[in-house]
Structure formats: C-alpha cells, structure tokens
C-alpha cells in the first residue's frame, strides 16, 4: 500500500491524543492510522494522507494546539519498512488498514 505521507504528533495522555486526532481530522482530508503510548503516558498519534493534507493537519495542531505538543513530524513518501511499522502498530490496536477498508 502506498501512502503519500504519515503525520506524527506526540502528546501526553490519551485524552490529549483524542483532542489532537479530532482537530487534525476536522482540519484536513487525512485518515487516523493508529497511536502508540509509552512510559509516562507519552502518546504518538499517526495519520496518513497526501503530503499537503498531512502537513496542514500537523501544522494546525502546532499552530493552535488543543494541548501541549511534545513533538511532531511529517514523513513524505514513507519507505516500505516505515509503512510496515505503522500497519503492524495499527493491527495491535485492531485499527483497520487502508487495505482492509477496500
């Protein structure tokens, strides 16, 4: 499966992650892929879409944050290995991949 871009935003706590997801989905034509929570409640949200939409979504959260944003990134044209990592993480949480939606 080819993705134009992945957007990643790290926040503290799952409630804040939901706020970020909601804002990004309302801002741009992007899809929520998965999230990952580590020690201390640091939660990274992953979304996908075309490069301009993902960039706009991530920038909207950075420019008008609903909570403290710890880190963010946009990965354009992700490698096959990066796609596998994100899809494996999504499968752990039982989130549908683009393949299964078709």
PDB file of N, CA and C in Angstrom:
ATOM      1  N   UNK A   1       0.839  -1.177   0.000  1.00  0.00           N
ATOM      2  CA  UNK A   1       0.000   0.000   0.000  1.00  0.00           C
ATOM      3  C   UNK A   1       0.882   1.237   0.000  1.00  0.00           C
ATOM      4  N   UNK A   2       0.618   2.141  -0.883  1.00  0.00           N
ATOM      5  CA  UNK A   2       1.397   3.379  -0.964  1.00  0.00           C
ATOM      6  C   UNK A   2       0.698   4.483  -0.177  1.00  0.00           C
ATOM      7  N   UNK A   3       1.468   5.188   0.596  1.00  0.00           N
ATOM      8  CA  UNK A   3       0.967   6.330   1.352  1.00  0.00           C
ATOM      9  C   UNK A   3       1.705   7.564   0.857  1.00  0.00           C
ATOM     10  N   UNK A   4       1.002   8.675   0.723  1.00  0.00           N
ATOM     11  CA  UNK A   4       1.661   9.919   0.342  1.00  0.00           C
ATOM     12  C   UNK A   4       2.520  10.443   1.469  1.00  0.00           C
ATOM     13  N   UNK A   5       1.976  10.356   2.704  1.00  0.00           N
ATOM     14  CA  UNK A   5       2.710  10.856   3.867  1.00  0.00           C
ATOM     15  C   UNK A   5       2.102  10.302   5.145  1.00  0.00           C
ATOM     16  N   UNK A   6       2.937  10.252   6.171  1.00  0.00           N
ATOM     17  CA  UNK A   6       2.491   9.978   7.528  1.00  0.00           C
ATOM     18  C   UNK A   6       2.732  11.240   8.339  1.00  0.00           C
ATOM     19  N   UNK A   7       1.805  11.545   9.239  1.00  0.00           N
ATOM     20  CA  UNK A   7       1.992  12.623  10.197  1.00  0.00           C
ATOM     21  C   UNK A   7       2.047  12.020  11.582  1.00  0.00           C
ATOM     22  N   UNK A   8       2.952  12.498  12.405  1.00  0.00           N
ATOM     23  CA  UNK A   8       3.091  12.021  13.774  1.00  0.00           C
ATOM     24  C   UNK A   8       3.038  13.217  14.714  1.00  0.00           C
ATOM     25  N   UNK A   9       2.255  13.086  15.772  1.00  0.00           N
ATOM     26  CA  UNK A   9       2.187  14.129  16.797  1.00  0.00           C
ATOM     27  C   UNK A   9       2.236  13.434  18.146  1.00  0.00           C
ATOM     28  N   UNK A  10       3.155  13.862  19.002  1.00  0.00           N
ATOM     29  CA  UNK A  10       3.292  13.281  20.333  1.00  0.00           C
ATOM     30  C   UNK A  10       2.749  14.246  21.374  1.00  0.00           C
ATOM     31  N   UNK A  11       1.899  13.707  22.263  1.00  0.00           N
ATOM     32  CA  UNK A  11       1.309  14.478  23.359  1.00  0.00           C
ATOM     33  C   UNK A  11       1.386  13.641  24.627  1.00  0.00           C
ATOM     34  N   UNK A  12       0.972  14.212  25.729  1.00  0.00           N
ATOM     35  CA  UNK A  12       0.974  13.493  26.993  1.00  0.00           C
ATOM     36  C   UNK A  12      -0.454  13.075  27.330  1.00  0.00           C
ATOM     37  N   UNK A  13      -0.733  11.782  27.267  1.00  0.00           N
ATOM     38  CA  UNK A  13      -2.030  11.251  27.658  1.00  0.00           C
ATOM     39  C   UNK A  13      -2.961  10.951  26.504  1.00  0.00           C
ATOM     40  N   UNK A  14      -3.789   9.923  26.698  1.00  0.00           N
ATOM     41  CA  UNK A  14      -4.708   9.505  25.635  1.00  0.00           C
ATOM     42  C   UNK A  14      -5.840  10.509  25.422  1.00  0.00           C
ATOM     43  N   UNK A  15      -6.264  11.211  26.458  1.00  0.00           N
ATOM     44  CA  UNK A  15      -7.304  12.236  26.267  1.00  0.00           C
ATOM     45  C   UNK A  15      -6.805  13.344  25.353  1.00  0.00           C
ATOM     46  N   UNK A  16      -5.576  13.774  25.567  1.00  0.00           N
ATOM     47  CA  UNK A  16      -4.991  14.784  24.689  1.00  0.00           C
ATOM     48  C   UNK A  16      -4.806  14.243  23.276  1.00  0.00           C
ATOM     49  N   UNK A  17      -4.472  12.973  23.163  1.00  0.00           N
ATOM     50  CA  UNK A  17      -4.329  12.366  21.834  1.00  0.00           C
ATOM     51  C   UNK A  17      -5.651  12.427  21.077  1.00  0.00           C
ATOM     52  N   UNK A  18      -6.746  12.176  21.763  1.00  0.00           N
ATOM     53  CA  UNK A  18      -8.061  12.233  21.118  1.00  0.00           C
ATOM     54  C   UNK A  18      -8.371  13.660  20.668  1.00  0.00           C
ATOM     55  N   UNK A  19      -8.023  14.653  21.479  1.00  0.00           N
ATOM     56  CA  UNK A  19      -8.217  16.052  21.073  1.00  0.00           C
ATOM     57  C   UNK A  19      -7.430  16.369  19.804  1.00  0.00           C
ATOM     58  N   UNK A  20      -6.193  15.899  19.747  1.00  0.00           N
ATOM     59  CA  UNK A  20      -5.339  16.137  18.580  1.00  0.00           C
ATOM     60  C   UNK A  20      -5.900  15.426  17.347  1.00  0.00           C
ATOM     61  N   UNK A  21      -6.300  14.172  17.513  1.00  0.00           N
ATOM     62  CA  UNK A  21      -6.878  13.410  16.395  1.00  0.00           C
ATOM     63  C   UNK A  21      -8.100  14.139  15.853  1.00  0.00           C
ATOM     64  N   UNK A  22      -8.980  14.555  16.744  1.00  0.00           N
ATOM     65  CA  UNK A  22     -10.202  15.244  16.329  1.00  0.00           C
ATOM     66  C   UNK A  22      -9.885  16.507  15.539  1.00  0.00           C
ATOM     67  N   UNK A  23      -8.967  17.315  16.047  1.00  0.00           N
ATOM     68  CA  UNK A  23      -8.616  18.556  15.356  1.00  0.00           C
ATOM     69  C   UNK A  23      -8.023  18.269  13.978  1.00  0.00           C
ATOM     70  N   UNK A  24      -7.131  17.299  13.878  1.00  0.00           N
ATOM     71  CA  UNK A  24      -6.496  17.011  12.591  1.00  0.00           C
ATOM     72  C   UNK A  24      -7.490  16.459  11.577  1.00  0.00           C
ATOM     73  N   UNK A  25      -8.407  15.601  12.026  1.00  0.00           N
ATOM     74  CA  UNK A  25      -9.404  15.046  11.105  1.00  0.00           C
ATOM     75  C   UNK A  25     -10.368  16.119  10.611  1.00  0.00           C
ATOM     76  N   UNK A  26     -10.655  17.108  11.461  1.00  0.00           N
ATOM     77  CA  UNK A  26     -11.546  18.200  11.063  1.00  0.00           C
ATOM     78  C   UNK A  26     -10.847  19.215  10.160  1.00  0.00           C
ATOM     79  N   UNK A  27      -9.533  19.300  10.255  1.00  0.00           N
ATOM     80  CA  UNK A  27      -8.764  20.297   9.520  1.00  0.00           C
ATOM     81  C   UNK A  27      -8.475  19.889   8.086  1.00  0.00           C
ATOM     82  N   UNK A  28      -8.174  18.615   7.868  1.00  0.00           N
ATOM     83  CA  UNK A  28      -7.698  18.159   6.558  1.00  0.00           C
ATOM     84  C   UNK A  28      -8.287  16.804   6.201  1.00  0.00           C
ATOM     85  N   UNK A  29      -8.143  16.461   4.942  1.00  0.00           N
ATOM     86  CA  UNK A  29      -8.591  15.159   4.434  1.00  0.00           C
ATOM     87  C   UNK A  29      -7.496  14.132   4.726  1.00  0.00           C
ATOM     88  N   UNK A  30      -7.435  13.710   5.997  1.00  0.00           N
ATOM     89  CA  UNK A  30      -6.449  12.734   6.443  1.00  0.00           C
ATOM     90  C   UNK A  30      -7.176  11.571   7.103  1.00  0.00           C
ATOM     91  N   UNK A  31      -6.451  10.477   7.310  1.00  0.00           N
ATOM     92  CA  UNK A  31      -7.015   9.295   7.963  1.00  0.00           C
ATOM     93  C   UNK A  31      -6.205   8.969   9.206  1.00  0.00           C
ATOM     94  N   UNK A  32      -6.893   8.661  10.284  1.00  0.00           N
ATOM     95  CA  UNK A  32      -6.235   8.208  11.504  1.00  0.00           C
ATOM     96  C   UNK A  32      -5.747   6.785  11.266  1.00  0.00           C
ATOM     97  N   UNK A  33      -4.493   6.509  11.577  1.00  0.00           N
ATOM     98  CA  UNK A  33      -3.930   5.172  11.391  1.00  0.00           C
ATOM     99  C   UNK A  33      -3.879   4.415  12.710  1.00  0.00           C
ATOM    100  N   UNK A  34      -3.202   4.984  13.720  1.00  0.00           N
ATOM    101  CA  UNK A  34      -3.034   4.303  14.999  1.00  0.00           C
ATOM    102  C   UNK A  34      -2.447   5.284  16.009  1.00  0.00           C
ATOM    103  N   UNK A  35      -2.229   4.784  17.222  1.00  0.00           N
ATOM    104  CA  UNK A  35      -1.476   5.542  18.207  1.00  0.00           C
ATOM    105  C   UNK A  35      -0.635   4.588  19.014  1.00  0.00           C
ATOM    106  N   UNK A  36       0.340   5.139  19.714  1.00  0.00           N
ATOM    107  CA  UNK A  36       1.266   4.332  20.484  1.00  0.00           C
ATOM    108  C   UNK A  36       1.531   5.072  21.782  1.00  0.00           C
ATOM    109  N   UNK A  37       1.328   4.391  22.909  1.00  0.00           N
ATOM    110  CA  UNK A  37       1.563   5.000  24.218  1.00  0.00           C
ATOM    111  C   UNK A  37       2.739   4.311  24.890  1.00  0.00           C
ATOM    112  N   UNK A  38       3.644   5.104  25.419  1.00  0.00           N
ATOM    113  CA  UNK A  38       4.837   4.592  26.096  1.00  0.00           C
ATOM    114  C   UNK A  38       4.866   5.088  27.535  1.00  0.00           C
ATOM    115  N   UNK A  39       5.960   4.793  28.216  1.00  0.00           N
ATOM    116  CA  UNK A  39       6.141   5.155  29.620  1.00  0.00           C
ATOM    117  C   UNK A  39       5.796   6.618  29.876  1.00  0.00           C
ATOM    118  N   UNK A  40       5.142   6.845  30.969  1.00  0.00           N
ATOM    119  CA  UNK A  40       4.803   8.208  31.345  1.00  0.00           C
ATOM    120  C   UNK A  40       3.619   8.780  30.591  1.00  0.00           C
ATOM    121  N   UNK A  41       2.962   7.954  29.774  1.00  0.00           N
ATOM    122  CA  UNK A  41       1.778   8.406  29.061  1.00  0.00           C
ATOM    123  C   UNK A  41       2.039   9.145  27.767  1.00  0.00           C
ATOM    124  N   UNK A  42       3.280   9.175  27.315  1.00  0.00           N
ATOM    125  CA  UNK A  42       3.588   9.825  26.038  1.00  0.00           C
ATOM    126  C   UNK A  42       2.902   9.048  24.918  1.00  0.00           C
ATOM    127  N   UNK A  43       2.015   9.719  24.211  1.00  0.00           N
ATOM    128  CA  UNK A  43       1.219   9.085  23.164  1.00  0.00           C
ATOM    129  C   UNK A  43       1.528   9.731  21.826  1.00  0.00           C
ATOM    130  N   UNK A  44       1.897   8.895  20.852  1.00  0.00           N
ATOM    131  CA  UNK A  44       2.155   9.373  19.499  1.00  0.00           C
ATOM    132  C   UNK A  44       0.996   8.963  18.615  1.00  0.00           C
ATOM    133  N   UNK A  45       0.418   9.937  17.941  1.00  0.00           N
ATOM    134  CA  UNK A  45      -0.702   9.740  17.021  1.00  0.00           C
ATOM    135  C   UNK A  45      -0.137   9.658  15.605  1.00  0.00           C
ATOM    136  N   UNK A  46      -0.610   8.676  14.828  1.00  0.00           N
ATOM    137  CA  UNK A  46      -0.183   8.508  13.439  1.00  0.00           C
ATOM    138  C   UNK A  46      -1.383   8.740  12.533  1.00  0.00           C
ATOM    139  N   UNK A  47      -1.199   9.550  11.490  1.00  0.00           N
ATOM    140  CA  UNK A  47      -2.244   9.728  10.498  1.00  0.00           C
ATOM    141  C   UNK A  47      -1.614   9.661   9.122  1.00  0.00           C
ATOM    142  N   UNK A  48      -2.450   9.504   8.102  1.00  0.00           N
ATOM    143  CA  UNK A  48      -1.929   9.419   6.739  1.00  0.00           C
ATOM    144  C   UNK A  48      -2.801  10.222   5.792  1.00  0.00           C
ATOM    145  N   UNK A  49      -2.257  10.480   4.620  1.00  0.00           N
ATOM    146  CA  UNK A  49      -2.956  11.211   3.576  1.00  0.00           C
ATOM    147  C   UNK A  49      -1.941  11.716   2.581  1.00  0.00           C
ATOM    148  N   UNK A  50      -2.379  12.607   1.701  1.00  0.00           N
ATOM    149  CA  UNK A  50      -1.387  13.166   0.785  1.00  0.00           C
ATOM    150  C   UNK A  50      -0.539  14.183   1.547  1.00  0.00           C
ATOM    151  N   UNK A  51       0.615  14.494   1.003  1.00  0.00           N
ATOM    152  CA  UNK A  51       1.600  15.310   1.721  1.00  0.00           C
ATOM    153  C   UNK A  51       1.021  16.646   2.173  1.00  0.00           C
ATOM    154  N   UNK A  52       0.305  17.329   1.298  1.00  0.00           N
ATOM    155  CA  UNK A  52      -0.219  18.652   1.670  1.00  0.00           C
ATOM    156  C   UNK A  52      -1.273  18.559   2.765  1.00  0.00           C
ATOM    157  N   UNK A  53      -2.132  17.546   2.717  1.00  0.00           N
ATOM    158  CA  UNK A  53      -3.164  17.388   3.746  1.00  0.00           C
ATOM    159  C   UNK A  53      -2.554  17.028   5.094  1.00  0.00           C
ATOM    160  N   UNK A  54      -1.597  16.114   5.092  1.00  0.00           N
ATOM    161  CA  UNK A  54      -0.941  15.716   6.343  1.00  0.00           C
ATOM    162  C   UNK A  54      -0.179  16.902   6.935  1.00  0.00           C
ATOM    163  N   UNK A  55       0.529  17.626   6.092  1.00  0.00           N
ATOM    164  CA  UNK A  55       1.264  18.804   6.566  1.00  0.00           C
ATOM    165  C   UNK A  55       0.311  19.830   7.165  1.00  0.00           C
ATOM    166  N   UNK A  56      -0.811  20.077   6.502  1.00  0.00           N
ATOM    167  CA  UNK A  56      -1.796  21.036   7.018  1.00  0.00           C
ATOM    168  C   UNK A  56      -2.360  20.578   8.359  1.00  0.00           C
ATOM    169  N   UNK A  57      -2.638  19.280   8.496  1.00  0.00           N
ATOM    170  CA  UNK A  57      -3.184  18.754   9.746  1.00  0.00           C
ATOM    171  C   UNK A  57      -2.190  18.911  10.890  1.00  0.00           C
ATOM    172  N   UNK A  58      -0.941  18.544  10.653  1.00  0.00           N
ATOM    173  CA  UNK A  58       0.083  18.659  11.696  1.00  0.00           C
ATOM    174  C   UNK A  58       0.329  20.132  12.036  1.00  0.00           C
ATOM    175  N   UNK A  59       0.392  20.983  11.031  1.00  0.00           N
ATOM    176  CA  UNK A  59       0.603  22.418  11.272  1.00  0.00           C
ATOM    177  C   UNK A  59      -0.563  23.042  12.041  1.00  0.00           C
ATOM    178  N   UNK A  60      -1.788  22.543  11.811  1.00  0.00           N
ATOM    179  CA  UNK A  60      -2.940  23.086  12.542  1.00  0.00           C
ATOM    180  C   UNK A  60      -2.818  22.819  14.033  1.00  0.00           C
ATOM    181  N   UNK A  61      -2.308  21.650  14.376  1.00  0.00           N
ATOM    182  CA  UNK A  61      -2.135  21.296  15.787  1.00  0.00           C
ATOM    183  C   UNK A  61      -0.977  22.083  16.398  1.00  0.00           C
ATOM    184  N   UNK A  62       0.071  22.285  15.622  1.00  0.00           N
ATOM    185  CA  UNK A  62       1.206  23.065  16.129  1.00  0.00           C
ATOM    186  C   UNK A  62       0.842  24.539  16.269  1.00  0.00           C
ATOM    187  N   UNK A  63       0.042  25.062  15.335  1.00  0.00           N
ATOM    188  CA  UNK A  63      -0.315  26.476  15.348  1.00  0.00           C
ATOM    189  C   UNK A  63      -1.412  26.839  16.325  1.00  0.00           C
ATOM    190  N   UNK A  64      -2.311  25.905  16.595  1.00  0.00           N
ATOM    191  CA  UNK A  64      -3.434  26.132  17.502  1.00  0.00           C
ATOM    192  C   UNK A  64      -3.619  24.871  18.344  1.00  0.00           C
ATOM    193  N   UNK A  65      -2.656  24.587  19.221  1.00  0.00           N
ATOM    194  CA  UNK A  65      -2.674  23.307  19.930  1.00  0.00           C
ATOM    195  C   UNK A  65      -3.802  23.205  20.955  1.00  0.00           C
ATOM    196  N   UNK A  66      -4.526  22.071  20.958  1.00  0.00           N
ATOM    197  CA  UNK A  66      -5.545  21.847  21.978  1.00  0.00           C
ATOM    198  C   UNK A  66      -4.916  21.435  23.307  1.00  0.00           C
ATOM    199  N   UNK A  67      -3.615  21.128  23.277  1.00  0.00           N
ATOM    200  CA  UNK A  67      -2.864  20.705  24.450  1.00  0.00           C
ATOM    201  C   UNK A  67      -1.382  20.892  24.120  1.00  0.00           C
ATOM    202  N   UNK A  68      -0.520  20.561  25.060  1.00  0.00           N
ATOM    203  CA  UNK A  68       0.914  20.674  24.787  1.00  0.00           C
ATOM    204  C   UNK A  68       1.344  19.618  23.771  1.00  0.00           C
ATOM    205  N   UNK A  69       1.977  20.064  22.706  1.00  0.00           N
ATOM    206  CA  UNK A  69       2.524  19.157  21.699  1.00  0.00           C
ATOM    207  C   UNK A  69       4.004  18.973  22.012  1.00  0.00           C
ATOM    208  N   UNK A  70       4.398  17.733  22.270  1.00  0.00           N
ATOM    209  CA  UNK A  70       5.779  17.434  22.639  1.00  0.00           C
ATOM    210  C   UNK A  70       6.670  17.373  21.401  1.00  0.00           C
ATOM    211  N   UNK A  71       6.178  16.721  20.355  1.00  0.00           N
ATOM    212  CA  UNK A  71       6.953  16.590  19.117  1.00  0.00           C
ATOM    213  C   UNK A  71       5.998  16.344  17.965  1.00  0.00           C
ATOM    214  N   UNK A  72       6.459  16.653  16.760  1.00  0.00           N
ATOM    215  CA  UNK A  72       5.649  16.375  15.573  1.00  0.00           C
ATOM    216  C   UNK A  72       6.567  16.190  14.380  1.00  0.00           C
ATOM    217  N   UNK A  73       6.064  15.477  13.375  1.00  0.00           N
ATOM    218  CA  UNK A  73       6.842  15.252  12.156  1.00  0.00           C
ATOM    219  C   UNK A  73       5.907  14.870  11.027  1.00  0.00           C
ATOM    220  N   UNK A  74       6.350  15.141   9.811  1.00  0.00           N
ATOM    221  CA  UNK A  74       5.669  14.674   8.606  1.00  0.00           C
ATOM    222  C   UNK A  74       6.687  13.863   7.822  1.00  0.00           C
ATOM    223  N   UNK A  75       6.328  12.644   7.474  1.00  0.00           N
ATOM    224  CA  UNK A  75       7.191  11.777   6.670  1.00  0.00           C
ATOM    225  C   UNK A  75       6.546  11.649   5.302  1.00  0.00           C
ATOM    226  N   UNK A  76       7.124  12.315   4.313  1.00  0.00           N
ATOM    227  CA  UNK A  76       6.568  12.207   2.964  1.00  0.00           C
ATOM    228  C   UNK A  76       7.164  10.988   2.267  1.00  0.00           C
ATOM    229  N   UNK A  77       6.333  10.343   1.443  1.00  0.00           N
ATOM    230  CA  UNK A  77       6.751   9.162   0.697  1.00  0.00           C
ATOM    231  C   UNK A  77       7.453   8.146   1.607  1.00  0.00           C
ATOM    232  N   UNK A  78       6.760   7.635   2.634  1.00  0.00           N
ATOM    233  CA  UNK A  78       7.409   6.731   3.589  1.00  0.00           C
ATOM    234  C   UNK A  78       7.892   5.444   2.920  1.00  0.00           C
ATOM    235  N   UNK A  79       8.990   4.926   3.438  1.00  0.00           N
ATOM    236  CA  UNK A  79       9.556   3.682   2.911  1.00  0.00           C
ATOM    237  C   UNK A  79       8.640   2.507   3.239  1.00  0.00           C
ATOM    238  N   UNK A  80       8.846   1.400   2.545  1.00  0.00           N
ATOM    239  CA  UNK A  80       8.066   0.182   2.802  1.00  0.00           C
ATOM    240  C   UNK A  80       8.186  -0.246   4.251  1.00  0.00           C
ATOM    241  N   UNK A  81       9.391  -0.153   4.806  1.00  0.00           N
ATOM    242  CA  UNK A  81       9.619  -0.560   6.188  1.00  0.00           C
ATOM    243  C   UNK A  81       8.845   0.328   7.163  1.00  0.00           C
ATOM    244  N   UNK A  82       8.816   1.625   6.878  1.00  0.00           N
ATOM    245  CA  UNK A  82       8.062   2.545   7.730  1.00  0.00           C
ATOM    246  C   UNK A  82       6.574   2.228   7.667  1.00  0.00           C
ATOM    247  N   UNK A  83       6.070   1.954   6.478  1.00  0.00           N
ATOM    248  CA  UNK A  83       4.664   1.573   6.313  1.00  0.00           C
ATOM    249  C   UNK A  83       4.374   0.310   7.116  1.00  0.00           C
ATOM    250  N   UNK A  84       5.269  -0.677   7.069  1.00  0.00           N
ATOM    251  CA  UNK A  84       5.076  -1.919   7.830  1.00  0.00           C
ATOM    252  C   UNK A  84       4.999  -1.653   9.325  1.00  0.00           C
ATOM    253  N   UNK A  85       5.868  -0.779   9.827  1.00  0.00           N
ATOM    254  CA  UNK A  85       5.860  -0.451  11.255  1.00  0.00           C
ATOM    255  C   UNK A  85       4.512   0.138  11.657  1.00  0.00           C
ATOM    256  N   UNK A  86       4.021   1.092  10.886  1.00  0.00           N
ATOM    257  CA  UNK A  86       2.751   1.747  11.209  1.00  0.00           C
ATOM    258  C   UNK A  86       1.597   0.754  11.100  1.00  0.00           C
ATOM    259  N   UNK A  87       1.573  -0.064  10.057  1.00  0.00           N
ATOM    260  CA  UNK A  87       0.485  -1.030   9.895  1.00  0.00           C
ATOM    261  C   UNK A  87       0.514  -2.109  10.971  1.00  0.00           C
ATOM    262  N   UNK A  88       1.705  -2.541  11.392  1.00  0.00           N
ATOM    263  CA  UNK A  88       1.803  -3.517  12.486  1.00  0.00           C
ATOM    264  C   UNK A  88       1.289  -2.916  13.793  1.00  0.00           C
ATOM    265  N   UNK A  89       1.612  -1.663  14.042  1.00  0.00           N
ATOM    266  CA  UNK A  89       1.117  -0.983  15.247  1.00  0.00           C
ATOM    267  C   UNK A  89      -0.404  -0.863  15.194  1.00  0.00           C
ATOM    268  N   UNK A  90      -0.939  -0.531  14.035  1.00  0.00           N
ATOM    269  CA  UNK A  90      -2.394  -0.425  13.875  1.00  0.00           C
ATOM    270  C   UNK A  90      -3.058  -1.775  14.109  1.00  0.00           C
ATOM    271  N   UNK A  91      -2.434  -2.847  13.638  1.00  0.00           N
ATOM    272  CA  UNK A  91      -3.002  -4.188  13.816  1.00  0.00           C
ATOM    273  C   UNK A  91      -3.054  -4.571  15.298  1.00  0.00           C
ATOM    274  N   UNK A  92      -2.066  -4.137  16.084  1.00  0.00           N
ATOM    275  CA  UNK A  92      -2.067  -4.414  17.527  1.00  0.00           C
ATOM    276  C   UNK A  92      -3.299  -3.824  18.198  1.00  0.00           C
ATOM    277  N   UNK A  93      -3.733  -2.661  17.699  1.00  0.00           N
ATOM    278  CA  UNK A  93      -4.878  -1.958  18.279  1.00  0.00           C
ATOM    279  C   UNK A  93      -6.171  -2.255  17.527  1.00  0.00           C
ATOM    280  N   UNK A  94      -6.089  -3.162  16.556  1.00  0.00           N
ATOM    281  CA  UNK A  94      -7.252  -3.558  15.747  1.00  0.00           C
ATOM    282  C   UNK A  94      -7.831  -2.406  14.947  1.00  0.00           C
ATOM    283  N   UNK A  95      -6.974  -1.445  14.544  1.00  0.00           N
ATOM    284  CA  UNK A  95      -7.410  -0.383  13.648  1.00  0.00           C
ATOM    285  C   UNK A  95      -7.297  -0.904  12.229  1.00  0.00           C
ATOM    286  N   UNK A  96      -8.271  -0.590  11.398  1.00  0.00           N
ATOM    287  CA  UNK A  96      -8.277  -1.067  10.016  1.00  0.00           C
ATOM    288  C   UNK A  96      -7.195  -0.372   9.205  1.00  0.00           C
ATOM    289  N   UNK A  97      -6.558  -1.147   8.337  1.00  0.00           N
ATOM    290  CA  UNK A  97      -5.594  -0.553   7.409  1.00  0.00           C
ATOM    291  C   UNK A  97      -6.333  -0.116   6.159  1.00  0.00           C
ATOM    292  N   UNK A  98      -5.668   0.638   5.318  1.00  0.00           N
ATOM    293  CA  UNK A  98      -6.271   1.062   4.051  1.00  0.00           C
ATOM    294  C   UNK A  98      -6.654  -0.154   3.220  1.00  0.00           C
ATOM    295  N   UNK A  99      -5.845  -1.223   3.276  1.00  0.00           N
ATOM    296  CA  UNK A  99      -6.118  -2.435   2.504  1.00  0.00           C
ATOM    297  C   UNK A  99      -7.460  -3.043   2.899  1.00  0.00           C
ATOM    298  N   UNK A 100      -7.717  -3.119   4.207  1.00  0.00           N
ATOM    299  CA  UNK A 100      -8.930  -3.794   4.674  1.00  0.00           C
ATOM    300  C   UNK A 100     -10.185  -2.963   4.480  1.00  0.00           C
ATOM    301  N   UNK A 101     -10.043  -1.664   4.207  1.00  0.00           N
ATOM    302  CA  UNK A 101     -11.211  -0.807   4.003  1.00  0.00           C
ATOM    303  C   UNK A 101     -11.792  -0.958   2.609  1.00  0.00           C
ATOM    304  N   UNK A 102     -11.008  -1.511   1.683  1.00  0.00           N
ATOM    305  CA  UNK A 102     -11.461  -1.608   0.291  1.00  0.00           C
ATOM    306  C   UNK A 102     -12.274  -2.847   0.050  1.00  0.00           C
TER     307      UNK A 102
END
